[in-house]
Amino acid sequence: MSEGRRGHRTRPHTADVRIEAWAPTAAACYEEAVGALVAGFADVSDAPAGGPHRFAVGPGSPERLLVG
């Protein structure tokens, strides 16, 4: 499988949404994860790109930050 440097995809799951995201940095990986989650319930292919939205995250492991 050729994943490239950055991307995301949904995975089959019986009762929930399951995503995979990858990127060279944690911030880019979080962006991909959000994109994968949104793609699971909304078609944004024709939506204009928005500007950045800043938010604060607390301390924790990358996994806990992503779930939060």
Protein backbone atom coordinates (compact mmCIF):
# COMPACT_ATOMS: atom_id res chain seq x y z
CA MET A 1 0.00 0.00 0.00
CA SER A 2 1.29 3.42 -0.91
CA GLU A 3 0.17 5.76 1.84
CA GLY A 4 2.12 8.87 0.93
CA ARG A 5 3.43 11.33 3.47
CA ARG A 6 0.02 12.44 4.69
CA GLY A 7 -3.50 11.08 4.49
CA HIS A 8 -6.41 9.33 6.13
CA ARG A 9 -8.99 6.63 5.53
CA THR A 10 -11.95 5.03 7.24
CA ARG A 11 -11.88 1.38 8.23
CA PRO A 12 -14.79 -1.05 8.53
CA HIS A 13 -16.23 -1.44 12.01
CA THR A 14 -19.51 -2.97 13.12
CA ALA A 15 -20.72 -0.40 15.64
CA ASP A 16 -18.63 2.74 15.39
CA VAL A 17 -16.42 4.93 13.23
CA ARG A 18 -12.85 3.77 12.89
CA ILE A 19 -10.25 5.94 11.19
CA GLU A 20 -6.56 5.84 10.39
CA ALA A 21 -4.53 9.01 9.90
CA TRP A 22 -0.85 9.57 9.19
CA ALA A 23 1.42 12.55 8.64
CA PRO A 24 5.02 13.57 9.34
CA THR A 25 4.08 15.75 12.35
CA ALA A 26 1.59 15.33 15.19
CA ALA A 27 -0.26 18.54 14.23
CA ALA A 28 -0.67 17.38 10.63
CA CYS A 29 -1.79 13.96 11.83
CA TYR A 30 -4.48 15.58 13.99
CA GLU A 31 -5.64 17.56 10.93
CA GLU A 32 -5.90 14.34 8.93
CA ALA A 33 -7.80 12.63 11.75
CA VAL A 34 -10.35 15.46 11.86
CA GLY A 35 -10.71 15.27 8.09
CA ALA A 36 -11.32 11.52 8.27
CA LEU A 37 -13.92 11.91 11.01
CA VAL A 38 -15.80 14.65 9.14
CA ALA A 39 -15.69 12.60 5.92
CA GLY A 40 -17.59 9.89 7.78
CA PHE A 41 -20.74 12.01 7.98
CA ALA A 42 -20.43 15.06 5.70
CA ASP A 43 -19.55 15.66 2.06
CA VAL A 44 -17.27 18.70 2.11
CA SER A 45 -15.71 18.13 -1.31
CA ASP A 46 -17.21 21.36 -2.72
CA ALA A 47 -16.89 23.41 0.47
CA PRO A 48 -14.52 26.36 0.38
CA ALA A 49 -11.45 26.10 2.56
CA GLY A 50 -11.76 27.98 5.83
CA GLY A 51 -9.11 29.72 7.80
CA PRO A 52 -7.24 28.22 10.72
CA HIS A 53 -9.03 27.86 14.02
CA ARG A 54 -6.86 27.93 17.13
CA PHE A 55 -7.69 25.89 20.19
CA ALA A 56 -5.81 24.91 23.32
CA VAL A 57 -5.08 21.34 24.35
CA GLY A 58 -3.95 20.18 27.74
CA PRO A 59 -1.16 17.82 28.61
CA GLY A 60 -1.44 14.15 27.81
CA SER A 61 -0.38 11.39 25.49
CA PRO A 62 -0.94 11.88 21.75
CA GLU A 63 -3.71 9.26 21.88
CA ARG A 64 -5.59 11.06 24.68
CA LEU A 65 -5.19 14.42 22.93
CA LEU A 66 -6.63 12.98 19.73
CA VAL A 67 -9.65 11.45 21.48
CA GLY A 68 -10.23 14.67 23.42
